[in-house]
Every structure is written in structure tokens, then in C-alpha cells.
PDB file of N, CA and C in Angstrom:
ATOM      1  N   UNK A   1     -53.933 -26.887 -75.543  1.00  0.00           N
ATOM      2  CA  UNK A   1     -53.355 -25.794 -74.829  1.00  0.00           C
ATOM      3  C   UNK A   1     -54.416 -24.763 -74.432  1.00  0.00           C
ATOM      4  N   UNK A   2     -55.447 -24.671 -75.252  1.00  0.00           N
ATOM      5  CA  UNK A   2     -56.515 -23.729 -74.941  1.00  0.00           C
ATOM      6  C   UNK A   2     -57.223 -24.134 -73.653  1.00  0.00           C
ATOM      7  N   UNK A   3     -57.417 -25.428 -73.472  1.00  0.00           N
ATOM      8  CA  UNK A   3     -58.054 -25.902 -72.243  1.00  0.00           C
ATOM      9  C   UNK A   3     -57.184 -25.605 -71.024  1.00  0.00           C
ATOM     10  N   UNK A   4     -55.889 -25.788 -71.137  1.00  0.00           N
ATOM     11  CA  UNK A   4     -54.974 -25.496 -70.025  1.00  0.00           C
ATOM     12  C   UNK A   4     -55.024 -24.007 -69.698  1.00  0.00           C
ATOM     13  N   UNK A   5     -55.022 -23.156 -70.738  1.00  0.00           N
ATOM     14  CA  UNK A   5     -55.116 -21.716 -70.516  1.00  0.00           C
ATOM     15  C   UNK A   5     -56.412 -21.361 -69.783  1.00  0.00           C
ATOM     16  N   UNK A   6     -57.519 -21.951 -70.210  1.00  0.00           N
ATOM     17  CA  UNK A   6     -58.807 -21.650 -69.582  1.00  0.00           C
ATOM     18  C   UNK A   6     -58.850 -22.125 -68.133  1.00  0.00           C
ATOM     19  N   UNK A   7     -58.224 -23.261 -67.849  1.00  0.00           N
ATOM     20  CA  UNK A   7     -58.194 -23.760 -66.470  1.00  0.00           C
ATOM     21  C   UNK A   7     -57.361 -22.836 -65.592  1.00  0.00           C
ATOM     22  N   UNK A   8     -56.169 -22.455 -66.061  1.00  0.00           N
ATOM     23  CA  UNK A   8     -55.279 -21.623 -65.255  1.00  0.00           C
ATOM     24  C   UNK A   8     -55.767 -20.188 -65.112  1.00  0.00           C
ATOM     25  N   UNK A   9     -56.515 -19.703 -66.087  1.00  0.00           N
ATOM     26  CA  UNK A   9     -57.000 -18.326 -66.005  1.00  0.00           C
ATOM     27  C   UNK A   9     -58.329 -18.212 -65.268  1.00  0.00           C
ATOM     28  N   UNK A  10     -58.865 -19.342 -64.790  1.00  0.00           N
ATOM     29  CA  UNK A  10     -60.080 -19.309 -63.988  1.00  0.00           C
ATOM     30  C   UNK A  10     -61.368 -19.257 -64.769  1.00  0.00           C
ATOM     31  N   UNK A  11     -61.353 -19.621 -66.034  1.00  0.00           N
ATOM     32  CA  UNK A  11     -62.562 -19.598 -66.842  1.00  0.00           C
ATOM     33  C   UNK A  11     -63.396 -20.863 -66.663  1.00  0.00           C
ATOM     34  N   UNK A  12     -62.850 -21.886 -66.021  1.00  0.00           N
ATOM     35  CA  UNK A  12     -63.581 -23.109 -65.700  1.00  0.00           C
ATOM     36  C   UNK A  12     -64.051 -23.052 -64.251  1.00  0.00           C
ATOM     37  N   UNK A  13     -65.105 -23.762 -63.971  1.00  0.00           N
ATOM     38  CA  UNK A  13     -65.565 -23.915 -62.599  1.00  0.00           C
ATOM     39  C   UNK A  13     -64.538 -24.767 -61.859  1.00  0.00           C
ATOM     40  N   UNK A  14     -64.058 -24.294 -60.732  1.00  0.00           N
ATOM     41  CA  UNK A  14     -62.991 -24.991 -60.007  1.00  0.00           C
ATOM     42  C   UNK A  14     -63.440 -26.338 -59.455  1.00  0.00           C
ATOM     43  N   UNK A  15     -64.746 -26.569 -59.370  1.00  0.00           N
ATOM     44  CA  UNK A  15     -65.249 -27.855 -58.881  1.00  0.00           C
ATOM     45  C   UNK A  15     -65.126 -28.968 -59.909  1.00  0.00           C
ATOM     46  N   UNK A  16     -65.096 -28.632 -61.194  1.00  0.00           N
ATOM     47  CA  UNK A  16     -65.041 -29.654 -62.239  1.00  0.00           C
ATOM     48  C   UNK A  16     -63.738 -29.650 -63.025  1.00  0.00           C
ATOM     49  N   UNK A  17     -62.957 -28.605 -62.922  1.00  0.00           N
ATOM     50  CA  UNK A  17     -61.711 -28.510 -63.677  1.00  0.00           C
ATOM     51  C   UNK A  17     -60.631 -29.386 -63.057  1.00  0.00           C
ATOM     52  N   UNK A  18     -59.787 -30.015 -63.880  1.00  0.00           N
ATOM     53  CA  UNK A  18     -58.672 -30.785 -63.318  1.00  0.00           C
ATOM     54  C   UNK A  18     -57.700 -29.867 -62.585  1.00  0.00           C
ATOM     55  N   UNK A  19     -57.034 -30.411 -61.599  1.00  0.00           N
ATOM     56  CA  UNK A  19     -56.099 -29.624 -60.799  1.00  0.00           C
ATOM     57  C   UNK A  19     -54.754 -29.565 -61.514  1.00  0.00           C
ATOM     58  N   UNK A  20     -54.301 -28.354 -61.798  1.00  0.00           N
ATOM     59  CA  UNK A  20     -52.993 -28.132 -62.396  1.00  0.00           C
ATOM     60  C   UNK A  20     -52.163 -27.355 -61.387  1.00  0.00           C
ATOM     61  N   UNK A  21     -51.056 -27.917 -60.953  1.00  0.00           N
ATOM     62  CA  UNK A  21     -50.224 -27.291 -59.928  1.00  0.00           C
ATOM     63  C   UNK A  21     -49.122 -26.492 -60.596  1.00  0.00           C
ATOM     64  N   UNK A  22     -49.073 -25.199 -60.287  1.00  0.00           N
ATOM     65  CA  UNK A  22     -48.014 -24.358 -60.858  1.00  0.00           C
ATOM     66  C   UNK A  22     -46.757 -24.461 -60.012  1.00  0.00           C
ATOM     67  N   UNK A  23     -45.629 -24.345 -60.686  1.00  0.00           N
ATOM     68  CA  UNK A  23     -44.333 -24.421 -60.038  1.00  0.00           C
ATOM     69  C   UNK A  23     -43.909 -23.006 -59.654  1.00  0.00           C
ATOM     70  N   UNK A  24     -43.808 -22.715 -58.368  1.00  0.00           N
ATOM     71  CA  UNK A  24     -43.527 -21.359 -57.902  1.00  0.00           C
ATOM     72  C   UNK A  24     -42.055 -20.981 -57.972  1.00  0.00           C
ATOM     73  N   UNK A  25     -41.161 -21.944 -58.110  1.00  0.00           N
ATOM     74  CA  UNK A  25     -39.729 -21.663 -58.108  1.00  0.00           C
ATOM     75  C   UNK A  25     -39.159 -21.707 -59.520  1.00  0.00           C
ATOM     76  N   UNK A  26     -39.731 -20.922 -60.405  1.00  0.00           N
ATOM     77  CA  UNK A  26     -39.319 -20.925 -61.806  1.00  0.00           C
ATOM     78  C   UNK A  26     -38.240 -19.873 -62.020  1.00  0.00           C
ATOM     79  N   UNK A  27     -37.167 -20.274 -62.683  1.00  0.00           N
ATOM     80  CA  UNK A  27     -36.116 -19.323 -63.008  1.00  0.00           C
ATOM     81  C   UNK A  27     -36.018 -19.060 -64.498  1.00  0.00           C
ATOM     82  N   UNK A  28     -36.531 -19.957 -65.320  1.00  0.00           N
ATOM     83  CA  UNK A  28     -36.503 -19.788 -66.772  1.00  0.00           C
ATOM     84  C   UNK A  28     -37.867 -20.096 -67.351  1.00  0.00           C
ATOM     85  N   UNK A  29     -38.102 -19.600 -68.553  1.00  0.00           N
ATOM     86  CA  UNK A  29     -39.355 -19.892 -69.243  1.00  0.00           C
ATOM     87  C   UNK A  29     -40.484 -19.009 -68.763  1.00  0.00           C
ATOM     88  N   UNK A  30     -41.709 -19.452 -69.020  1.00  0.00           N
ATOM     89  CA  UNK A  30     -42.852 -18.624 -68.646  1.00  0.00           C
ATOM     90  C   UNK A  30     -43.084 -18.651 -67.139  1.00  0.00           C
ATOM     91  N   UNK A  31     -43.824 -17.673 -66.664  1.00  0.00           N
ATOM     92  CA  UNK A  31     -44.005 -17.523 -65.221  1.00  0.00           C
ATOM     93  C   UNK A  31     -45.108 -18.401 -64.650  1.00  0.00           C
ATOM     94  N   UNK A  32     -45.824 -19.132 -65.495  1.00  0.00           N
ATOM     95  CA  UNK A  32     -46.875 -20.027 -65.033  1.00  0.00           C
ATOM     96  C   UNK A  32     -46.537 -21.479 -65.361  1.00  0.00           C
ATOM     97  N   UNK A  33     -45.304 -21.871 -65.123  1.00  0.00           N
ATOM     98  CA  UNK A  33     -44.902 -23.244 -65.397  1.00  0.00           C
ATOM     99  C   UNK A  33     -45.669 -24.206 -64.508  1.00  0.00           C
ATOM    100  N   UNK A  34     -45.972 -25.359 -65.068  1.00  0.00           N
ATOM    101  CA  UNK A  34     -46.688 -26.385 -64.326  1.00  0.00           C
ATOM    102  C   UNK A  34     -45.705 -27.367 -63.723  1.00  0.00           C
ATOM    103  N   UNK A  35     -46.058 -27.890 -62.568  1.00  0.00           N
ATOM    104  CA  UNK A  35     -45.230 -28.882 -61.886  1.00  0.00           C
ATOM    105  C   UNK A  35     -45.453 -30.236 -62.536  1.00  0.00           C
ATOM    106  N   UNK A  36     -44.363 -30.930 -62.858  1.00  0.00           N
ATOM    107  CA  UNK A  36     -44.465 -32.234 -63.505  1.00  0.00           C
ATOM    108  C   UNK A  36     -44.265 -33.333 -62.475  1.00  0.00           C
ATOM    109  N   UNK A  37     -45.296 -34.142 -62.305  1.00  0.00           N
ATOM    110  CA  UNK A  37     -45.237 -35.284 -61.398  1.00  0.00           C
ATOM    111  C   UNK A  37     -44.630 -36.474 -62.123  1.00  0.00           C
ATOM    112  N   UNK A  38     -44.134 -37.425 -61.368  1.00  0.00           N
ATOM    113  CA  UNK A  38     -43.702 -38.690 -61.962  1.00  0.00           C
ATOM    114  C   UNK A  38     -44.626 -39.791 -61.446  1.00  0.00           C
ATOM    115  N   UNK A  39     -45.010 -40.678 -62.355  1.00  0.00           N
ATOM    116  CA  UNK A  39     -45.960 -41.727 -62.035  1.00  0.00           C
ATOM    117  C   UNK A  39     -45.445 -43.065 -62.530  1.00  0.00           C
ATOM    118  N   UNK A  40     -45.888 -44.116 -61.870  1.00  0.00           N
ATOM    119  CA  UNK A  40     -45.486 -45.463 -62.266  1.00  0.00           C
ATOM    120  C   UNK A  40     -46.475 -46.106 -63.222  1.00  0.00           C
ATOM    121  N   UNK A  41     -47.724 -45.781 -63.112  1.00  0.00           N
ATOM    122  CA  UNK A  41     -48.758 -46.440 -63.902  1.00  0.00           C
ATOM    123  C   UNK A  41     -49.117 -45.607 -65.129  1.00  0.00           C
ATOM    124  N   UNK A  42     -49.355 -46.295 -66.228  1.00  0.00           N
ATOM    125  CA  UNK A  42     -49.651 -45.622 -67.484  1.00  0.00           C
ATOM    126  C   UNK A  42     -50.976 -44.872 -67.465  1.00  0.00           C
ATOM    127  N   UNK A  43     -51.904 -45.315 -66.648  1.00  0.00           N
ATOM    128  CA  UNK A  43     -53.211 -44.656 -66.593  1.00  0.00           C
ATOM    129  C   UNK A  43     -53.037 -43.185 -66.217  1.00  0.00           C
ATOM    130  N   UNK A  44     -52.215 -42.903 -65.253  1.00  0.00           N
ATOM    131  CA  UNK A  44     -51.990 -41.523 -64.807  1.00  0.00           C
ATOM    132  C   UNK A  44     -50.967 -40.814 -65.679  1.00  0.00           C
ATOM    133  N   UNK A  45     -49.984 -41.563 -66.189  1.00  0.00           N
ATOM    134  CA  UNK A  45     -48.925 -40.978 -67.017  1.00  0.00           C
ATOM    135  C   UNK A  45     -49.469 -40.284 -68.253  1.00  0.00           C
ATOM    136  N   UNK A  46     -50.480 -40.862 -68.848  1.00  0.00           N
ATOM    137  CA  UNK A  46     -50.991 -40.353 -70.114  1.00  0.00           C
ATOM    138  C   UNK A  46     -52.310 -39.604 -69.962  1.00  0.00           C
ATOM    139  N   UNK A  47     -52.587 -39.107 -68.784  1.00  0.00           N
ATOM    140  CA  UNK A  47     -53.804 -38.328 -68.566  1.00  0.00           C
ATOM    141  C   UNK A  47     -53.622 -36.911 -69.114  1.00  0.00           C
ATOM    142  N   UNK A  48     -54.714 -36.189 -69.182  1.00  0.00           N
ATOM    143  CA  UNK A  48     -54.695 -34.833 -69.736  1.00  0.00           C
ATOM    144  C   UNK A  48     -53.714 -33.927 -69.009  1.00  0.00           C
ATOM    145  N   UNK A  49     -53.741 -33.966 -67.683  1.00  0.00           N
ATOM    146  CA  UNK A  49     -52.911 -33.044 -66.914  1.00  0.00           C
ATOM    147  C   UNK A  49     -51.425 -33.340 -67.057  1.00  0.00           C
ATOM    148  N   UNK A  50     -51.052 -34.568 -67.309  1.00  0.00           N
ATOM    149  CA  UNK A  50     -49.631 -34.916 -67.445  1.00  0.00           C
ATOM    150  C   UNK A  50     -49.113 -34.755 -68.869  1.00  0.00           C
ATOM    151  N   UNK A  51     -49.951 -35.018 -69.853  1.00  0.00           N
ATOM    152  CA  UNK A  51     -49.522 -34.926 -71.250  1.00  0.00           C
ATOM    153  C   UNK A  51     -49.188 -33.503 -71.652  1.00  0.00           C
ATOM    154  N   UNK A  52     -49.847 -32.529 -71.080  1.00  0.00           N
ATOM    155  CA  UNK A  52     -49.717 -31.147 -71.527  1.00  0.00           C
ATOM    156  C   UNK A  52     -48.664 -30.336 -70.783  1.00  0.00           C
ATOM    157  N   UNK A  53     -48.047 -30.881 -69.759  1.00  0.00           N
ATOM    158  CA  UNK A  53     -47.102 -30.118 -68.935  1.00  0.00           C
ATOM    159  C   UNK A  53     -45.898 -29.651 -69.746  1.00  0.00           C
ATOM    160  N   UNK A  54     -45.247 -30.536 -70.475  1.00  0.00           N
ATOM    161  CA  UNK A  54     -44.052 -30.145 -71.227  1.00  0.00           C
ATOM    162  C   UNK A  54     -44.353 -29.113 -72.311  1.00  0.00           C
ATOM    163  N   UNK A  55     -45.469 -29.278 -72.986  1.00  0.00           N
ATOM    164  CA  UNK A  55     -45.837 -28.323 -74.039  1.00  0.00           C
ATOM    165  C   UNK A  55     -46.142 -26.965 -73.430  1.00  0.00           C
ATOM    166  N   UNK A  56     -46.909 -26.940 -72.344  1.00  0.00           N
ATOM    167  CA  UNK A  56     -47.251 -25.675 -71.685  1.00  0.00           C
ATOM    168  C   UNK A  56     -45.995 -24.979 -71.161  1.00  0.00           C
ATOM    169  N   UNK A  57     -45.093 -25.734 -70.556  1.00  0.00           N
ATOM    170  CA  UNK A  57     -43.887 -25.143 -69.988  1.00  0.00           C
ATOM    171  C   UNK A  57     -42.943 -24.600 -71.058  1.00  0.00           C
ATOM    172  N   UNK A  58     -43.094 -25.042 -72.298  1.00  0.00           N
ATOM    173  CA  UNK A  58     -42.228 -24.548 -73.367  1.00  0.00           C
ATOM    174  C   UNK A  58     -42.732 -23.249 -73.988  1.00  0.00           C
ATOM    175  N   UNK A  59     -43.940 -22.824 -73.648  1.00  0.00           N
ATOM    176  CA  UNK A  59     -44.496 -21.598 -74.227  1.00  0.00           C
ATOM    177  C   UNK A  59     -43.872 -20.364 -73.588  1.00  0.00           C
ATOM    178  N   UNK A  60     -43.631 -19.309 -74.372  1.00  0.00           N
ATOM    179  CA  UNK A  60     -43.057 -18.076 -73.819  1.00  0.00           C
ATOM    180  C   UNK A  60     -44.111 -17.215 -73.118  1.00  0.00           C
ATOM    181  N   UNK A  61     -43.651 -16.225 -72.371  1.00  0.00           N
ATOM    182  CA  UNK A  61     -44.556 -15.329 -71.643  1.00  0.00           C
ATOM    183  C   UNK A  61     -45.486 -14.550 -72.555  1.00  0.00           C
ATOM    184  N   UNK A  62     -45.045 -14.212 -73.754  1.00  0.00           N
ATOM    185  CA  UNK A  62     -45.900 -13.430 -74.657  1.00  0.00           C
ATOM    186  C   UNK A  62     -47.158 -14.202 -75.049  1.00  0.00           C
ATOM    187  N   UNK A  63     -47.108 -15.512 -75.033  1.00  0.00           N
ATOM    188  CA  UNK A  63     -48.292 -16.326 -75.318  1.00  0.00           C
ATOM    189  C   UNK A  63     -49.124 -16.506 -74.060  1.00  0.00           C
ATOM    190  N   UNK A  64     -48.484 -16.788 -72.949  1.00  0.00           N
ATOM    191  CA  UNK A  64     -49.164 -17.082 -71.688  1.00  0.00           C
ATOM    192  C   UNK A  64     -49.899 -15.862 -71.124  1.00  0.00           C
ATOM    193  N   UNK A  65     -49.382 -14.670 -71.353  1.00  0.00           N
ATOM    194  CA  UNK A  65     -49.936 -13.456 -70.763  1.00  0.00           C
ATOM    195  C   UNK A  65     -51.155 -12.891 -71.494  1.00  0.00           C
ATOM    196  N   UNK A  66     -51.763 -13.649 -72.368  1.00  0.00           N
ATOM    197  CA  UNK A  66     -52.929 -13.173 -73.112  1.00  0.00           C
ATOM    198  C   UNK A  66     -54.092 -12.892 -72.161  1.00  0.00           C
ATOM    199  N   UNK A  67     -54.868 -11.882 -72.496  1.00  0.00           N
ATOM    200  CA  UNK A  67     -56.001 -11.490 -71.649  1.00  0.00           C
ATOM    201  C   UNK A  67     -57.263 -12.285 -71.929  1.00  0.00           C
ATOM    202  N   UNK A  68     -57.456 -12.694 -73.173  1.00  0.00           N
ATOM    203  CA  UNK A  68     -58.653 -13.452 -73.547  1.00  0.00           C
ATOM    204  C   UNK A  68     -58.244 -14.723 -74.276  1.00  0.00           C
ATOM    205  N   UNK A  69     -59.211 -15.602 -74.448  1.00  0.00           N
ATOM    206  CA  UNK A  69     -58.949 -16.867 -75.132  1.00  0.00           C
ATOM    207  C   UNK A  69     -58.608 -16.617 -76.599  1.00  0.00           C
ATOM    208  N   UNK A  70     -59.288 -15.670 -77.233  1.00  0.00           N
ATOM    209  CA  UNK A  70     -59.007 -15.383 -78.644  1.00  0.00           C
ATOM    210  C   UNK A  70     -57.598 -14.836 -78.847  1.00  0.00           C
ATOM    211  N   UNK A  71     -57.156 -13.974 -77.949  1.00  0.00           N
ATOM    212  CA  UNK A  71     -55.784 -13.458 -78.039  1.00  0.00           C
ATOM    213  C   UNK A  71     -54.793 -14.580 -77.794  1.00  0.00           C
ATOM    214  N   UNK A  72     -55.102 -15.472 -76.855  1.00  0.00           N
ATOM    215  CA  UNK A  72     -54.233 -16.617 -76.596  1.00  0.00           C
ATOM    216  C   UNK A  72     -54.112 -17.499 -77.837  1.00  0.00           C
ATOM    217  N   UNK A  73     -55.235 -17.778 -78.504  1.00  0.00           N
ATOM    218  CA  UNK A  73     -55.214 -18.597 -79.714  1.00  0.00           C
ATOM    219  C   UNK A  73     -54.349 -17.958 -80.797  1.00  0.00           C
ATOM    220  N   UNK A  74     -54.496 -16.646 -80.981  1.00  0.00           N
ATOM    221  CA  UNK A  74     -53.727 -15.940 -81.998  1.00  0.00           C
ATOM    222  C   UNK A  74     -52.238 -15.981 -81.683  1.00  0.00           C
ATOM    223  N   UNK A  75     -51.877 -15.705 -80.442  1.00  0.00           N
ATOM    224  CA  UNK A  75     -50.463 -15.737 -80.041  1.00  0.00           C
ATOM    225  C   UNK A  75     -49.881 -17.144 -80.141  1.00  0.00           C
ATOM    226  N   UNK A  76     -50.663 -18.142 -79.782  1.00  0.00           N
ATOM    227  CA  UNK A  76     -50.214 -19.527 -79.868  1.00  0.00           C
ATOM    228  C   UNK A  76     -49.977 -19.931 -81.320  1.00  0.00           C
ATOM    229  N   UNK A  77     -50.883 -19.536 -82.211  1.00  0.00           N
ATOM    230  CA  UNK A  77     -50.703 -19.826 -83.635  1.00  0.00           C
ATOM    231  C   UNK A  77     -49.456 -19.158 -84.187  1.00  0.00           C
ATOM    232  N   UNK A  78     -49.221 -17.906 -83.801  1.00  0.00           N
ATOM    233  CA  UNK A  78     -48.024 -17.200 -84.265  1.00  0.00           C
ATOM    234  C   UNK A  78     -46.750 -17.851 -83.749  1.00  0.00           C
ATOM    235  N   UNK A  79     -46.775 -18.309 -82.490  1.00  0.00           N
ATOM    236  CA  UNK A  79     -45.593 -18.954 -81.915  1.00  0.00           C
ATOM    237  C   UNK A  79     -45.344 -20.308 -82.565  1.00  0.00           C
ATOM    238  N   UNK A  80     -46.384 -21.112 -82.748  1.00  0.00           N
ATOM    239  CA  UNK A  80     -46.222 -22.450 -83.316  1.00  0.00           C
ATOM    240  C   UNK A  80     -45.986 -22.442 -84.820  1.00  0.00           C
ATOM    241  N   UNK A  81     -46.275 -21.317 -85.474  1.00  0.00           N
ATOM    242  CA  UNK A  81     -46.097 -21.241 -86.924  1.00  0.00           C
ATOM    243  C   UNK A  81     -44.646 -21.495 -87.316  1.00  0.00           C
ATOM    244  N   UNK A  82     -43.708 -21.022 -86.508  1.00  0.00           N
ATOM    245  CA  UNK A  82     -42.296 -21.144 -86.830  1.00  0.00           C
ATOM    246  C   UNK A  82     -41.622 -22.354 -86.187  1.00  0.00           C
ATOM    247  N   UNK A  83     -42.382 -23.176 -85.485  1.00  0.00           N
ATOM    248  CA  UNK A  83     -41.810 -24.337 -84.808  1.00  0.00           C
ATOM    249  C   UNK A  83     -41.762 -25.536 -85.747  1.00  0.00           C
ATOM    250  N   UNK A  84     -40.755 -26.380 -85.553  1.00  0.00           N
ATOM    251  CA  UNK A  84     -40.658 -27.614 -86.320  1.00  0.00           C
ATOM    252  C   UNK A  84     -41.662 -28.626 -85.788  1.00  0.00           C
ATOM    253  N   UNK A  85     -42.304 -29.327 -86.684  1.00  0.00           N
ATOM    254  CA  UNK A  85     -43.257 -30.357 -86.309  1.00  0.00           C
ATOM    255  C   UNK A  85     -42.656 -31.704 -86.678  1.00  0.00           C
ATOM    256  N   UNK A  86     -42.635 -32.618 -85.719  1.00  0.00           N
ATOM    257  CA  UNK A  86     -42.097 -33.947 -85.957  1.00  0.00           C
ATOM    258  C   UNK A  86     -43.244 -34.949 -85.953  1.00  0.00           C
ATOM    259  N   UNK A  87     -43.285 -35.726 -86.988  1.00  0.00           N
ATOM    260  CA  UNK A  87     -44.326 -36.738 -87.106  1.00  0.00           C
ATOM    261  C   UNK A  87     -43.654 -38.069 -87.422  1.00  0.00           C
ATOM    262  N   UNK A  88     -43.874 -39.059 -86.573  1.00  0.00           N
ATOM    263  CA  UNK A  88     -43.273 -40.369 -86.762  1.00  0.00           C
ATOM    264  C   UNK A  88     -44.279 -41.264 -87.476  1.00  0.00           C
ATOM    265  N   UNK A  89     -44.141 -41.357 -88.798  1.00  0.00           N
ATOM    266  CA  UNK A  89     -45.081 -42.141 -89.582  1.00  0.00           C
ATOM    267  C   UNK A  89     -44.826 -43.638 -89.470  1.00  0.00           C
ATOM    268  N   UNK A  90     -43.716 -44.030 -88.834  1.00  0.00           N
ATOM    269  CA  UNK A  90     -43.402 -45.445 -88.710  1.00  0.00           C
ATOM    270  C   UNK A  90     -43.860 -46.028 -87.379  1.00  0.00           C
ATOM    271  N   UNK A  91     -44.481 -45.230 -86.535  1.00  0.00           N
ATOM    272  CA  UNK A  91     -44.858 -45.740 -85.215  1.00  0.00           C
ATOM    273  C   UNK A  91     -45.942 -46.806 -85.341  1.00  0.00           C
ATOM    274  N   UNK A  92     -45.934 -47.732 -84.427  1.00  0.00           N
ATOM    275  CA  UNK A  92     -46.878 -48.827 -84.420  1.00  0.00           C
ATOM    276  C   UNK A  92     -48.114 -48.411 -83.635  1.00  0.00           C
ATOM    277  N   UNK A  93     -49.246 -48.418 -84.291  1.00  0.00           N
ATOM    278  CA  UNK A  93     -50.483 -48.030 -83.639  1.00  0.00           C
ATOM    279  C   UNK A  93     -51.135 -49.295 -83.104  1.00  0.00           C
ATOM    280  N   UNK A  94     -51.299 -49.356 -81.794  1.00  0.00           N
ATOM    281  CA  UNK A  94     -51.917 -50.525 -81.173  1.00  0.00           C
ATOM    282  C   UNK A  94     -53.291 -50.157 -80.672  1.00  0.00           C
ATOM    283  N   UNK A  95     -54.109 -51.158 -80.507  1.00  0.00           N
ATOM    284  CA  UNK A  95     -55.439 -50.912 -79.964  1.00  0.00           C
ATOM    285  C   UNK A  95     -56.471 -50.565 -80.985  1.00  0.00           C
ATOM    286  N   UNK A  96     -56.107 -50.545 -82.266  1.00  0.00           N
ATOM    287  CA  UNK A  96     -57.093 -50.277 -83.298  1.00  0.00           C
ATOM    288  C   UNK A  96     -57.491 -51.583 -83.956  1.00  0.00           C
ATOM    289  N   UNK A  97     -58.557 -51.586 -84.607  1.00  0.00           N
ATOM    290  CA  UNK A  97     -59.021 -52.789 -85.288  1.00  0.00           C
ATOM    291  C   UNK A  97     -60.411 -53.168 -84.826  1.00  0.00           C
ATOM    292  N   UNK A  98     -60.867 -54.290 -85.317  1.00  0.00           N
ATOM    293  CA  UNK A  98     -62.213 -54.771 -85.012  1.00  0.00           C
ATOM    294  C   UNK A  98     -62.240 -55.438 -83.653  1.00  0.00           C
ATOM    295  N   UNK A  99     -63.012 -54.924 -82.751  1.00  0.00           N
ATOM    296  CA  UNK A  99     -63.103 -55.488 -81.403  1.00  0.00           C
ATOM    297  C   UNK A  99     -64.396 -56.285 -81.211  1.00  0.00           C
ATOM    298  N   UNK A 100     -65.163 -56.451 -82.263  1.00  0.00           N
ATOM    299  CA  UNK A 100     -66.433 -57.151 -82.123  1.00  0.00           C
ATOM    300  C   UNK A 100     -66.252 -58.659 -81.990  1.00  0.00           C
ATOM    301  N   UNK A 101     -65.055 -59.178 -82.302  1.00  0.00           N
ATOM    302  CA  UNK A 101     -64.816 -60.602 -82.238  1.00  0.00           C
ATOM    303  C   UNK A 101     -64.645 -61.104 -80.812  1.00  0.00           C
ATOM    304  N   UNK A 102     -64.339 -60.227 -79.877  1.00  0.00           N
ATOM    305  CA  UNK A 102     -64.035 -60.676 -78.508  1.00  0.00           C
ATOM    306  C   UNK A 102     -65.255 -60.801 -77.706  1.00  0.00           C
TER     307      UNK A 102
END
């Protein structure tokens, strides 16, 4: 989330930062909601810009309106402190293991 904040607040060079499109027709939530694209291929579906949209859009204005990165981190920690964390310990992890045999 810190990277998304830095990109949207202009702390990254616009030539190298990923493009994040804000949704201008927001009626609820924070005022800097990101537009969520739909994709068919997994390569784009699970990229940085797509994975973070739902989490960013769920943040309140008091977190988003921070003036500096340190204030943003503090507000984000305070907001997430009271949130429920779900961890699926039964999920199947694929793609790990010894790849030297191939």
C-alpha cells in the first residue's frame, strides 16, 4: 500500500511508475479510488496494479489524505490494527519445490 500511495502522490518518477487510473465517479469510500480492470489472462490479473486495487479502495479518507509517507504508514497501521485477518492455512501452494531436475 505504501508503494501505491507513493505512486498516486507523485513521489515516483512518472516515466518508471506503473499507471494507476483513478475512478472519478466515486460516490462512496475514499476519494482516490482506483479503477478496476477486468482481464482474461492470469499474467495481467495478478500484476501489482491489479492486486492492490481492492485493498486500496477499501481504505478510508483519513488514511489516504496523509501528507507524508510516514504519516500514511502510521494511519495505515492504526486502521489495519482493528481489522480481521484471514489466513487460509489449507491452501495448496503450487510452483514450489526443486526445479533443478528439469
